[in-house]
C-alpha cells in the first residue's frame, strides 16, 4: 500500500517504513506528524477521488534534521569592481512513515434512477 502526499510544495510517494526527506517541519525528534494532503492511495485499487481520499491520512514520525548540498552563488558586475559571493544550504526534516490509515469515508450514492 502506498500514498502520494503533498508536503512542502512537492509530491512524495509514501509507503509504511519509508524515510522521506521533506522541507523543514516544526517538531521534536520522535514526535508524530500527520500529513493530511493525500492525492492518491493504492490499496489494491487506485483511489484518486477527493471524496474518498478525505478519509485517508498518513502518519509519520520525525527521525531527525538534515541539510542539503551547499549552493554557491557569485554576483559580478563588469568594470565596477563589484563582486559578491553567497552560499545557501536548505534545511530538511527526515520522516519515517508509520501508518497509512483511513478509508472510512462512505462512497457516494449513485444518482441514476433504477427502473
PDB file of N, CA and C in Angstrom:
ATOM      1  N   UNK A   1       0.851  -1.177   0.000  1.00  0.00           N
ATOM      2  CA  UNK A   1       0.000   0.000   0.000  1.00  0.00           C
ATOM      3  C   UNK A   1       0.890   1.232   0.000  1.00  0.00           C
ATOM      4  N   UNK A   2       0.551   2.196  -0.830  1.00  0.00           N
ATOM      5  CA  UNK A   2       1.288   3.441  -0.842  1.00  0.00           C
ATOM      6  C   UNK A   2       0.319   4.595  -1.042  1.00  0.00           C
ATOM      7  N   UNK A   3       0.807   5.792  -0.753  1.00  0.00           N
ATOM      8  CA  UNK A   3       0.018   7.008  -0.931  1.00  0.00           C
ATOM      9  C   UNK A   3       0.929   8.096  -1.484  1.00  0.00           C
ATOM     10  N   UNK A   4       0.352   8.958  -2.289  1.00  0.00           N
ATOM     11  CA  UNK A   4       1.066  10.138  -2.765  1.00  0.00           C
ATOM     12  C   UNK A   4       0.581  11.308  -1.917  1.00  0.00           C
ATOM     13  N   UNK A   5       1.501  11.959  -1.204  1.00  0.00           N
ATOM     14  CA  UNK A   5       1.151  13.064  -0.305  1.00  0.00           C
ATOM     15  C   UNK A   5       1.839  14.338  -0.766  1.00  0.00           C
ATOM     16  N   UNK A   6       1.233  15.470  -0.434  1.00  0.00           N
ATOM     17  CA  UNK A   6       1.833  16.766  -0.723  1.00  0.00           C
ATOM     18  C   UNK A   6       2.446  17.286   0.565  1.00  0.00           C
ATOM     19  N   UNK A   7       3.728  17.581   0.497  1.00  0.00           N
ATOM     20  CA  UNK A   7       4.423  18.079   1.680  1.00  0.00           C
ATOM     21  C   UNK A   7       5.512  19.033   1.237  1.00  0.00           C
ATOM     22  N   UNK A   8       5.438  20.255   1.673  1.00  0.00           N
ATOM     23  CA  UNK A   8       6.457  21.228   1.345  1.00  0.00           C
ATOM     24  C   UNK A   8       6.466  21.657  -0.107  1.00  0.00           C
ATOM     25  N   UNK A   9       5.306  21.666  -0.754  1.00  0.00           N
ATOM     26  CA  UNK A   9       5.238  22.103  -2.137  1.00  0.00           C
ATOM     27  C   UNK A   9       5.627  21.035  -3.143  1.00  0.00           C
ATOM     28  N   UNK A  10       5.929  19.831  -2.688  1.00  0.00           N
ATOM     29  CA  UNK A  10       6.277  18.734  -3.586  1.00  0.00           C
ATOM     30  C   UNK A  10       5.378  17.548  -3.298  1.00  0.00           C
ATOM     31  N   UNK A  11       5.349  16.607  -4.219  1.00  0.00           N
ATOM     32  CA  UNK A  11       4.593  15.382  -4.028  1.00  0.00           C
ATOM     33  C   UNK A  11       5.561  14.251  -3.763  1.00  0.00           C
ATOM     34  N   UNK A  12       5.262  13.457  -2.734  1.00  0.00           N
ATOM     35  CA  UNK A  12       6.139  12.361  -2.336  1.00  0.00           C
ATOM     36  C   UNK A  12       5.337  11.061  -2.310  1.00  0.00           C
ATOM     37  N   UNK A  13       5.963   9.983  -2.737  1.00  0.00           N
ATOM     38  CA  UNK A  13       5.355   8.655  -2.644  1.00  0.00           C
ATOM     39  C   UNK A  13       5.735   8.064  -1.293  1.00  0.00           C
ATOM     40  N   UNK A  14       4.726   7.693  -0.505  1.00  0.00           N
ATOM     41  CA  UNK A  14       4.964   7.237   0.865  1.00  0.00           C
ATOM     42  C   UNK A  14       4.398   5.839   1.067  1.00  0.00           C
ATOM     43  N   UNK A  15       5.232   4.933   1.539  1.00  0.00           N
ATOM     44  CA  UNK A  15       4.826   3.602   1.967  1.00  0.00           C
ATOM     45  C   UNK A  15       5.217   3.462   3.432  1.00  0.00           C
ATOM     46  N   UNK A  16       4.652   2.464   4.105  1.00  0.00           N
ATOM     47  CA  UNK A  16       4.978   2.251   5.508  1.00  0.00           C
ATOM     48  C   UNK A  16       6.456   1.881   5.621  1.00  0.00           C
ATOM     49  N   UNK A  17       7.154   2.469   6.602  1.00  0.00           N
ATOM     50  CA  UNK A  17       8.578   2.288   6.902  1.00  0.00           C
ATOM     51  C   UNK A  17       9.511   2.997   5.918  1.00  0.00           C
ATOM     52  N   UNK A  18       8.989   3.803   5.005  1.00  0.00           N
ATOM     53  CA  UNK A  18       9.846   4.621   4.144  1.00  0.00           C
ATOM     54  C   UNK A  18      10.356   5.820   4.934  1.00  0.00           C
ATOM     55  N   UNK A  19      11.533   6.310   4.586  1.00  0.00           N
ATOM     56  CA  UNK A  19      12.077   7.527   5.177  1.00  0.00           C
ATOM     57  C   UNK A  19      12.076   8.595   4.091  1.00  0.00           C
ATOM     58  N   UNK A  20      11.319   9.665   4.308  1.00  0.00           N
ATOM     59  CA  UNK A  20      11.205  10.760   3.353  1.00  0.00           C
ATOM     60  C   UNK A  20      11.990  11.962   3.863  1.00  0.00           C
ATOM     61  N   UNK A  21      12.546  12.712   2.941  1.00  0.00           N
ATOM     62  CA  UNK A  21      13.208  13.969   3.270  1.00  0.00           C
ATOM     63  C   UNK A  21      12.351  15.091   2.716  1.00  0.00           C
ATOM     64  N   UNK A  22      11.768  15.897   3.616  1.00  0.00           N
ATOM     65  CA  UNK A  22      10.865  16.982   3.226  1.00  0.00           C
ATOM     66  C   UNK A  22      11.402  18.300   3.777  1.00  0.00           C
ATOM     67  N   UNK A  23      10.827  19.413   3.333  1.00  0.00           N
ATOM     68  CA  UNK A  23      11.237  20.717   3.846  1.00  0.00           C
ATOM     69  C   UNK A  23      11.058  20.761   5.361  1.00  0.00           C
ATOM     70  N   UNK A  24      11.798  21.629   6.006  1.00  0.00           N
ATOM     71  CA  UNK A  24      11.840  21.719   7.461  1.00  0.00           C
ATOM     72  C   UNK A  24      10.442  21.834   8.077  1.00  0.00           C
ATOM     73  N   UNK A  25      10.148  20.954   9.034  1.00  0.00           N
ATOM     74  CA  UNK A  25       8.888  20.969   9.770  1.00  0.00           C
ATOM     75  C   UNK A  25       9.173  21.254  11.239  1.00  0.00           C
ATOM     76  N   UNK A  26       8.237  21.923  11.890  1.00  0.00           N
ATOM     77  CA  UNK A  26       8.368  22.185  13.323  1.00  0.00           C
ATOM     78  C   UNK A  26       8.038  20.905  14.079  1.00  0.00           C
ATOM     79  N   UNK A  27       8.805  20.601  15.099  1.00  0.00           N
ATOM     80  CA  UNK A  27       8.545  19.428  15.918  1.00  0.00           C
ATOM     81  C   UNK A  27       9.838  18.830  16.435  1.00  0.00           C
ATOM     82  N   UNK A  28       9.713  18.048  17.488  1.00  0.00           N
ATOM     83  CA  UNK A  28      10.849  17.398  18.117  1.00  0.00           C
ATOM     84  C   UNK A  28      11.102  16.036  17.471  1.00  0.00           C
ATOM     85  N   UNK A  29      12.323  15.551  17.607  1.00  0.00           N
ATOM     86  CA  UNK A  29      12.662  14.221  17.122  1.00  0.00           C
ATOM     87  C   UNK A  29      11.865  13.198  17.920  1.00  0.00           C
ATOM     88  N   UNK A  30      11.207  12.284  17.231  1.00  0.00           N
ATOM     89  CA  UNK A  30      10.388  11.267  17.885  1.00  0.00           C
ATOM     90  C   UNK A  30       8.914  11.618  17.946  1.00  0.00           C
ATOM     91  N   UNK A  31       8.561  12.863  17.667  1.00  0.00           N
ATOM     92  CA  UNK A  31       7.146  13.239  17.704  1.00  0.00           C
ATOM     93  C   UNK A  31       6.442  12.797  16.422  1.00  0.00           C
ATOM     94  N   UNK A  32       5.132  12.745  16.484  1.00  0.00           N
ATOM     95  CA  UNK A  32       4.318  12.261  15.370  1.00  0.00           C
ATOM     96  C   UNK A  32       3.757  13.430  14.571  1.00  0.00           C
ATOM     97  N   UNK A  33       3.696  13.247  13.248  1.00  0.00           N
ATOM     98  CA  UNK A  33       3.195  14.275  12.336  1.00  0.00           C
ATOM     99  C   UNK A  33       2.170  13.622  11.427  1.00  0.00           C
ATOM    100  N   UNK A  34       1.091  14.331  11.155  1.00  0.00           N
ATOM    101  CA  UNK A  34       0.076  13.841  10.229  1.00  0.00           C
ATOM    102  C   UNK A  34       0.161  14.628   8.934  1.00  0.00           C
ATOM    103  N   UNK A  35       0.231  13.911   7.818  1.00  0.00           N
ATOM    104  CA  UNK A  35       0.265  14.544   6.501  1.00  0.00           C
ATOM    105  C   UNK A  35      -1.117  14.397   5.875  1.00  0.00           C
ATOM    106  N   UNK A  36      -1.951  15.437   5.931  1.00  0.00           N
ATOM    107  CA  UNK A  36      -3.341  15.281   5.519  1.00  0.00           C
ATOM    108  C   UNK A  36      -3.578  15.389   4.019  1.00  0.00           C
ATOM    109  N   UNK A  37      -2.694  16.016   3.276  1.00  0.00           N
ATOM    110  CA  UNK A  37      -2.943  16.254   1.860  1.00  0.00           C
ATOM    111  C   UNK A  37      -2.591  15.014   1.048  1.00  0.00           C
ATOM    112  N   UNK A  38      -3.505  14.062   1.036  1.00  0.00           N
ATOM    113  CA  UNK A  38      -3.301  12.818   0.311  1.00  0.00           C
ATOM    114  C   UNK A  38      -3.910  12.989  -1.085  1.00  0.00           C
ATOM    115  N   UNK A  39      -3.126  12.691  -2.132  1.00  0.00           N
ATOM    116  CA  UNK A  39      -3.584  12.876  -3.502  1.00  0.00           C
ATOM    117  C   UNK A  39      -4.044  11.575  -4.148  1.00  0.00           C
ATOM    118  N   UNK A  40      -3.342  10.470  -3.863  1.00  0.00           N
ATOM    119  CA  UNK A  40      -3.665   9.164  -4.438  1.00  0.00           C
ATOM    120  C   UNK A  40      -3.348   8.107  -3.393  1.00  0.00           C
ATOM    121  N   UNK A  41      -4.200   7.062  -3.321  1.00  0.00           N
ATOM    122  CA  UNK A  41      -3.932   5.919  -2.443  1.00  0.00           C
ATOM    123  C   UNK A  41      -4.100   4.654  -3.267  1.00  0.00           C
ATOM    124  N   UNK A  42      -3.149   3.729  -3.146  1.00  0.00           N
ATOM    125  CA  UNK A  42      -3.228   2.441  -3.820  1.00  0.00           C
ATOM    126  C   UNK A  42      -3.342   1.364  -2.754  1.00  0.00           C
ATOM    127  N   UNK A  43      -4.550   0.877  -2.548  1.00  0.00           N
ATOM    128  CA  UNK A  43      -4.816  -0.182  -1.578  1.00  0.00           C
ATOM    129  C   UNK A  43      -5.545  -1.304  -2.305  1.00  0.00           C
ATOM    130  N   UNK A  44      -4.851  -1.962  -3.219  1.00  0.00           N
ATOM    131  CA  UNK A  44      -5.489  -2.970  -4.045  1.00  0.00           C
ATOM    132  C   UNK A  44      -6.078  -2.353  -5.308  1.00  0.00           C
ATOM    133  N   UNK A  45      -6.675  -1.190  -5.161  1.00  0.00           N
ATOM    134  CA  UNK A  45      -7.141  -0.409  -6.308  1.00  0.00           C
ATOM    135  C   UNK A  45      -6.750   1.037  -6.078  1.00  0.00           C
ATOM    136  N   UNK A  46      -6.533   1.758  -7.155  1.00  0.00           N
ATOM    137  CA  UNK A  46      -6.080   3.137  -7.057  1.00  0.00           C
ATOM    138  C   UNK A  46      -7.269   4.043  -6.786  1.00  0.00           C
ATOM    139  N   UNK A  47      -7.161   4.874  -5.752  1.00  0.00           N
ATOM    140  CA  UNK A  47      -8.217   5.809  -5.368  1.00  0.00           C
ATOM    141  C   UNK A  47      -7.680   7.223  -5.546  1.00  0.00           C
ATOM    142  N   UNK A  48      -8.382   8.025  -6.360  1.00  0.00           N
ATOM    143  CA  UNK A  48      -7.961   9.411  -6.549  1.00  0.00           C
ATOM    144  C   UNK A  48      -9.123  10.380  -6.400  1.00  0.00           C
ATOM    145  N   UNK A  49     -10.303   9.886  -6.055  1.00  0.00           N
ATOM    146  CA  UNK A  49     -11.473  10.738  -5.868  1.00  0.00           C
ATOM    147  C   UNK A  49     -11.331  11.501  -4.547  1.00  0.00           C
ATOM    148  N   UNK A  50     -11.519  12.809  -4.600  1.00  0.00           N
ATOM    149  CA  UNK A  50     -11.316  13.651  -3.415  1.00  0.00           C
ATOM    150  C   UNK A  50     -12.268  13.280  -2.279  1.00  0.00           C
ATOM    151  N   UNK A  51     -13.488  12.861  -2.603  1.00  0.00           N
ATOM    152  CA  UNK A  51     -14.446  12.494  -1.560  1.00  0.00           C
ATOM    153  C   UNK A  51     -13.987  11.247  -0.799  1.00  0.00           C
ATOM    154  N   UNK A  52     -13.421  10.284  -1.501  1.00  0.00           N
ATOM    155  CA  UNK A  52     -12.942   9.065  -0.846  1.00  0.00           C
ATOM    156  C   UNK A  52     -11.616   9.298  -0.122  1.00  0.00           C
ATOM    157  N   UNK A  53     -10.774  10.168  -0.665  1.00  0.00           N
ATOM    158  CA  UNK A  53      -9.470  10.425  -0.057  1.00  0.00           C
ATOM    159  C   UNK A  53      -9.571  11.214   1.237  1.00  0.00           C
ATOM    160  N   UNK A  54     -10.708  11.860   1.485  1.00  0.00           N
ATOM    161  CA  UNK A  54     -10.877  12.626   2.708  1.00  0.00           C
ATOM    162  C   UNK A  54     -10.766  11.774   3.959  1.00  0.00           C
ATOM    163  N   UNK A  55     -11.018  10.486   3.850  1.00  0.00           N
ATOM    164  CA  UNK A  55     -10.929   9.599   4.998  1.00  0.00           C
ATOM    165  C   UNK A  55      -9.536   9.053   5.256  1.00  0.00           C
ATOM    166  N   UNK A  56      -8.604   9.269   4.345  1.00  0.00           N
ATOM    167  CA  UNK A  56      -7.252   8.737   4.492  1.00  0.00           C
ATOM    168  C   UNK A  56      -6.327   9.781   5.103  1.00  0.00           C
ATOM    169  N   UNK A  57      -5.375   9.312   5.878  1.00  0.00           N
ATOM    170  CA  UNK A  57      -4.320  10.188   6.381  1.00  0.00           C
ATOM    171  C   UNK A  57      -3.047   9.374   6.563  1.00  0.00           C
ATOM    172  N   UNK A  58      -1.931  10.051   6.432  1.00  0.00           N
ATOM    173  CA  UNK A  58      -0.622   9.420   6.556  1.00  0.00           C
ATOM    174  C   UNK A  58       0.024   9.942   7.830  1.00  0.00           C
ATOM    175  N   UNK A  59       0.455   9.024   8.702  1.00  0.00           N
ATOM    176  CA  UNK A  59       1.100   9.382   9.959  1.00  0.00           C
ATOM    177  C   UNK A  59       2.584   9.065   9.853  1.00  0.00           C
ATOM    178  N   UNK A  60       3.406  10.014  10.304  1.00  0.00           N
ATOM    179  CA  UNK A  60       4.855   9.839  10.230  1.00  0.00           C
ATOM    180  C   UNK A  60       5.498  10.258  11.546  1.00  0.00           C
ATOM    181  N   UNK A  61       6.700   9.755  11.771  1.00  0.00           N
ATOM    182  CA  UNK A  61       7.478  10.095  12.961  1.00  0.00           C
ATOM    183  C   UNK A  61       8.716  10.865  12.510  1.00  0.00           C
ATOM    184  N   UNK A  62       9.049  11.930  13.223  1.00  0.00           N
ATOM    185  CA  UNK A  62      10.219  12.725  12.875  1.00  0.00           C
ATOM    186  C   UNK A  62      11.473  11.981  13.321  1.00  0.00           C
ATOM    187  N   UNK A  63      12.343  11.670  12.351  1.00  0.00           N
ATOM    188  CA  UNK A  63      13.573  10.932  12.626  1.00  0.00           C
ATOM    189  C   UNK A  63      14.703  11.891  12.976  1.00  0.00           C
ATOM    190  N   UNK A  64      14.801  12.992  12.243  1.00  0.00           N
ATOM    191  CA  UNK A  64      15.875  13.945  12.513  1.00  0.00           C
ATOM    192  C   UNK A  64      15.893  15.058  11.489  1.00  0.00           C
ATOM    193  N   UNK A  65      16.908  15.904  11.593  1.00  0.00           N
ATOM    194  CA  UNK A  65      17.085  17.010  10.676  1.00  0.00           C
ATOM    195  C   UNK A  65      18.219  16.691   9.711  1.00  0.00           C
ATOM    196  N   UNK A  66      18.183  17.348   8.568  1.00  0.00           N
ATOM    197  CA  UNK A  66      19.242  17.181   7.578  1.00  0.00           C
ATOM    198  C   UNK A  66      19.410  18.507   6.841  1.00  0.00           C
ATOM    199  N   UNK A  67      20.524  18.647   6.157  1.00  0.00           N
ATOM    200  CA  UNK A  67      20.756  19.826   5.333  1.00  0.00           C
ATOM    201  C   UNK A  67      21.126  19.376   3.928  1.00  0.00           C
ATOM    202  N   UNK A  68      20.739  20.176   2.961  1.00  0.00           N
ATOM    203  CA  UNK A  68      21.013  19.867   1.574  1.00  0.00           C
ATOM    204  C   UNK A  68      22.430  20.254   1.186  1.00  0.00           C
ATOM    205  N   UNK A  69      22.753  20.090  -0.086  1.00  0.00           N
ATOM    206  CA  UNK A  69      24.094  20.446  -0.536  1.00  0.00           C
ATOM    207  C   UNK A  69      24.291  21.955  -0.550  1.00  0.00           C
ATOM    208  N   UNK A  70      25.533  22.366  -0.441  1.00  0.00           N
ATOM    209  CA  UNK A  70      25.872  23.785  -0.476  1.00  0.00           C
ATOM    210  C   UNK A  70      25.687  24.301  -1.899  1.00  0.00           C
ATOM    211  N   UNK A  71      24.978  25.427  -2.019  1.00  0.00           N
ATOM    212  CA  UNK A  71      24.784  26.086  -3.306  1.00  0.00           C
ATOM    213  C   UNK A  71      25.536  27.403  -3.251  1.00  0.00           C
ATOM    214  N   UNK A  72      26.486  27.576  -4.152  1.00  0.00           N
ATOM    215  CA  UNK A  72      27.285  28.796  -4.200  1.00  0.00           C
ATOM    216  C   UNK A  72      26.769  29.695  -5.311  1.00  0.00           C
ATOM    217  N   UNK A  73      26.666  30.993  -5.008  1.00  0.00           N
ATOM    218  CA  UNK A  73      26.226  31.977  -5.989  1.00  0.00           C
ATOM    219  C   UNK A  73      27.257  33.096  -6.012  1.00  0.00           C
ATOM    220  N   UNK A  74      27.579  33.570  -7.194  1.00  0.00           N
ATOM    221  CA  UNK A  74      28.524  34.668  -7.345  1.00  0.00           C
ATOM    222  C   UNK A  74      27.864  35.760  -8.170  1.00  0.00           C
ATOM    223  N   UNK A  75      27.835  36.981  -7.636  1.00  0.00           N
ATOM    224  CA  UNK A  75      27.341  38.145  -8.363  1.00  0.00           C
ATOM    225  C   UNK A  75      28.564  38.948  -8.799  1.00  0.00           C
ATOM    226  N   UNK A  76      28.562  39.386 -10.032  1.00  0.00           N
ATOM    227  CA  UNK A  76      29.706  40.099 -10.578  1.00  0.00           C
ATOM    228  C   UNK A  76      29.219  41.143 -11.563  1.00  0.00           C
ATOM    229  N   UNK A  77      29.739  42.345 -11.446  1.00  0.00           N
ATOM    230  CA  UNK A  77      29.441  43.398 -12.418  1.00  0.00           C
ATOM    231  C   UNK A  77      30.760  43.845 -13.049  1.00  0.00           C
ATOM    232  N   UNK A  78      30.777  43.846 -14.335  1.00  0.00           N
ATOM    233  CA  UNK A  78      31.979  44.168 -15.090  1.00  0.00           C
ATOM    234  C   UNK A  78      32.376  45.643 -14.913  1.00  0.00           C
ATOM    235  N   UNK A  79      33.650  45.893 -14.827  1.00  0.00           N
ATOM    236  CA  UNK A  79      34.258  47.226 -14.817  1.00  0.00           C
ATOM    237  C   UNK A  79      33.906  48.087 -13.605  1.00  0.00           C
ATOM    238  N   UNK A  80      33.281  47.536 -12.583  1.00  0.00           N
ATOM    239  CA  UNK A  80      32.931  48.336 -11.416  1.00  0.00           C
ATOM    240  C   UNK A  80      33.587  47.823 -10.147  1.00  0.00           C
ATOM    241  N   UNK A  81      34.222  46.680 -10.197  1.00  0.00           N
ATOM    242  CA  UNK A  81      34.850  46.115  -9.017  1.00  0.00           C
ATOM    243  C   UNK A  81      33.853  45.486  -8.051  1.00  0.00           C
ATOM    244  N   UNK A  82      32.637  45.234  -8.527  1.00  0.00           N
ATOM    245  CA  UNK A  82      31.615  44.652  -7.651  1.00  0.00           C
ATOM    246  C   UNK A  82      31.658  43.137  -7.764  1.00  0.00           C
ATOM    247  N   UNK A  83      31.927  42.486  -6.655  1.00  0.00           N
ATOM    248  CA  UNK A  83      31.883  41.032  -6.582  1.00  0.00           C
ATOM    249  C   UNK A  83      31.227  40.664  -5.269  1.00  0.00           C
ATOM    250  N   UNK A  84      30.350  39.726  -5.335  1.00  0.00           N
ATOM    251  CA  UNK A  84      29.678  39.281  -4.103  1.00  0.00           C
ATOM    252  C   UNK A  84      29.524  37.768  -4.170  1.00  0.00           C
ATOM    253  N   UNK A  85      29.841  37.115  -3.071  1.00  0.00           N
ATOM    254  CA  UNK A  85      29.765  35.666  -3.013  1.00  0.00           C
ATOM    255  C   UNK A  85      28.744  35.273  -1.952  1.00  0.00           C
ATOM    256  N   UNK A  86      27.812  34.419  -2.326  1.00  0.00           N
ATOM    257  CA  UNK A  86      26.747  33.985  -1.422  1.00  0.00           C
ATOM    258  C   UNK A  86      26.709  32.466  -1.377  1.00  0.00           C
ATOM    259  N   UNK A  87      26.182  31.922  -0.287  1.00  0.00           N
ATOM    260  CA  UNK A  87      26.008  30.485  -0.169  1.00  0.00           C
ATOM    261  C   UNK A  87      24.696  30.174   0.532  1.00  0.00           C
ATOM    262  N   UNK A  88      24.181  28.965   0.286  1.00  0.00           N
ATOM    263  CA  UNK A  88      22.913  28.566   0.893  1.00  0.00           C
ATOM    264  C   UNK A  88      22.893  27.064   1.079  1.00  0.00           C
ATOM    265  N   UNK A  89      22.354  26.616   2.208  1.00  0.00           N
ATOM    266  CA  UNK A  89      22.093  25.191   2.451  1.00  0.00           C
ATOM    267  C   UNK A  89      20.667  25.069   2.942  1.00  0.00           C
ATOM    268  N   UNK A  90      19.838  24.347   2.189  1.00  0.00           N
ATOM    269  CA  UNK A  90      18.434  24.160   2.542  1.00  0.00           C
ATOM    270  C   UNK A  90      18.325  23.216   3.735  1.00  0.00           C
ATOM    271  N   UNK A  91      17.417  23.508   4.644  1.00  0.00           N
ATOM    272  CA  UNK A  91      17.202  22.666   5.819  1.00  0.00           C
ATOM    273  C   UNK A  91      16.032  21.716   5.548  1.00  0.00           C
ATOM    274  N   UNK A  92      16.203  20.454   5.930  1.00  0.00           N
ATOM    275  CA  UNK A  92      15.207  19.413   5.698  1.00  0.00           C
ATOM    276  C   UNK A  92      14.889  18.682   6.997  1.00  0.00           C
ATOM    277  N   UNK A  93      13.759  17.976   6.996  1.00  0.00           N
ATOM    278  CA  UNK A  93      13.365  17.083   8.081  1.00  0.00           C
ATOM    279  C   UNK A  93      13.178  15.690   7.496  1.00  0.00           C
ATOM    280  N   UNK A  94      13.691  14.688   8.183  1.00  0.00           N
ATOM    281  CA  UNK A  94      13.513  13.309   7.740  1.00  0.00           C
ATOM    282  C   UNK A  94      12.354  12.690   8.511  1.00  0.00           C
ATOM    283  N   UNK A  95      11.420  12.084   7.768  1.00  0.00           N
ATOM    284  CA  UNK A  95      10.226  11.471   8.352  1.00  0.00           C
ATOM    285  C   UNK A  95      10.203   9.981   8.040  1.00  0.00           C
ATOM    286  N   UNK A  96       9.836   9.166   9.024  1.00  0.00           N
ATOM    287  CA  UNK A  96       9.596   7.740   8.796  1.00  0.00           C
ATOM    288  C   UNK A  96       8.089   7.521   8.813  1.00  0.00           C
ATOM    289  N   UNK A  97       7.549   6.983   7.740  1.00  0.00           N
ATOM    290  CA  UNK A  97       6.113   6.745   7.627  1.00  0.00           C
ATOM    291  C   UNK A  97       5.756   5.556   8.510  1.00  0.00           C
ATOM    292  N   UNK A  98       4.845   5.781   9.453  1.00  0.00           N
ATOM    293  CA  UNK A  98       4.460   4.717  10.382  1.00  0.00           C
ATOM    294  C   UNK A  98       3.124   4.082  10.038  1.00  0.00           C
ATOM    295  N   UNK A  99       2.231   4.851   9.406  1.00  0.00           N
ATOM    296  CA  UNK A  99       0.889   4.313   9.163  1.00  0.00           C
ATOM    297  C   UNK A  99       0.203   5.077   8.039  1.00  0.00           C
ATOM    298  N   UNK A 100      -0.527   4.318   7.217  1.00  0.00           N
ATOM    299  CA  UNK A 100      -1.444   4.903   6.236  1.00  0.00           C
ATOM    300  C   UNK A 100      -2.808   4.336   6.589  1.00  0.00           C
ATOM    301  N   UNK A 101      -3.659   5.200   7.125  1.00  0.00           N
ATOM    302  CA  UNK A 101      -4.941   4.713   7.620  1.00  0.00           C
ATOM    303  C   UNK A 101      -6.077   5.472   6.967  1.00  0.00           C
ATOM    304  N   UNK A 102      -7.262   4.896   7.091  1.00  0.00           N
ATOM    305  CA  UNK A 102      -8.440   5.590   6.591  1.00  0.00           C
ATOM    306  C   UNK A 102      -9.307   4.673   5.776  1.00  0.00           C
ATOM    307  N   UNK A 103      -9.980   5.283   4.835  1.00  0.00           N
ATOM    308  CA  UNK A 103     -10.921   4.545   4.018  1.00  0.00           C
ATOM    309  C   UNK A 103     -12.276   4.429   4.674  1.00  0.00           C
ATOM    310  N   UNK A 104     -12.499   5.228   5.733  1.00  0.00           N
ATOM    311  CA  UNK A 104     -13.771   5.149   6.446  1.00  0.00           C
ATOM    312  C   UNK A 104     -14.853   5.998   5.791  1.00  0.00           C
ATOM    313  N   UNK A 105     -14.465   6.806   4.819  1.00  0.00           N
ATOM    314  CA  UNK A 105     -15.456   7.640   4.139  1.00  0.00           C
ATOM    315  C   UNK A 105     -16.382   6.759   3.326  1.00  0.00           C
ATOM    316  N   UNK A 106     -17.659   7.034   3.401  1.00  0.00           N
ATOM    317  CA  UNK A 106     -18.639   6.225   2.688  1.00  0.00           C
ATOM    318  C   UNK A 106     -18.697   6.663   1.232  1.00  0.00           C
ATOM    319  N   UNK A 107     -18.812   5.703   0.306  1.00  0.00           N
ATOM    320  CA  UNK A 107     -18.908   6.081  -1.099  1.00  0.00           C
ATOM    321  C   UNK A 107     -20.216   6.811  -1.377  1.00  0.00           C
ATOM    322  N   UNK A 108     -20.193   7.652  -2.402  1.00  0.00           N
ATOM    323  CA  UNK A 108     -21.375   8.425  -2.752  1.00  0.00           C
ATOM    324  C   UNK A 108     -22.443   7.505  -3.342  1.00  0.00           C
ATOM    325  N   UNK A 109     -23.694   7.810  -3.050  1.00  0.00           N
ATOM    326  CA  UNK A 109     -24.810   7.043  -3.600  1.00  0.00           C
ATOM    327  C   UNK A 109     -24.940   7.363  -5.083  1.00  0.00           C
ATOM    328  N   UNK A 110     -25.330   6.384  -5.833  1.00  0.00           N
ATOM    329  CA  UNK A 110     -25.488   6.589  -7.272  1.00  0.00           C
ATOM    330  C   UNK A 110     -26.685   7.472  -7.543  1.00  0.00           C
ATOM    331  N   UNK A 111     -26.532   8.381  -8.477  1.00  0.00           N
ATOM    332  CA  UNK A 111     -27.636   9.303  -8.782  1.00  0.00           C
ATOM    333  C   UNK A 111     -28.521   8.775  -9.904  1.00  0.00           C
ATOM    334  N   UNK A 112     -28.192   7.607 -10.453  1.00  0.00           N
ATOM    335  CA  UNK A 112     -29.017   7.029 -11.520  1.00  0.00           C
ATOM    336  C   UNK A 112     -30.305   6.481 -10.943  1.00  0.00           C
ATOM    337  N   UNK A 113     -31.377   6.646 -11.673  1.00  0.00           N
ATOM    338  CA  UNK A 113     -32.664   6.097 -11.233  1.00  0.00           C
ATOM    339  C   UNK A 113     -32.765   4.656 -11.703  1.00  0.00           C
ATOM    340  N   UNK A 114     -33.272   3.823 -10.825  1.00  0.00           N
ATOM    341  CA  UNK A 114     -33.449   2.416 -11.184  1.00  0.00           C
ATOM    342  C   UNK A 114     -34.843   2.237 -11.777  1.00  0.00           C
ATOM    343  N   UNK A 115     -34.902   1.390 -12.751  1.00  0.00           N
ATOM    344  CA  UNK A 115     -36.221   1.049 -13.291  1.00  0.00           C
ATOM    345  C   UNK A 115     -36.490   1.620 -14.566  1.00  0.00           C
TER     346      UNK A 115
END
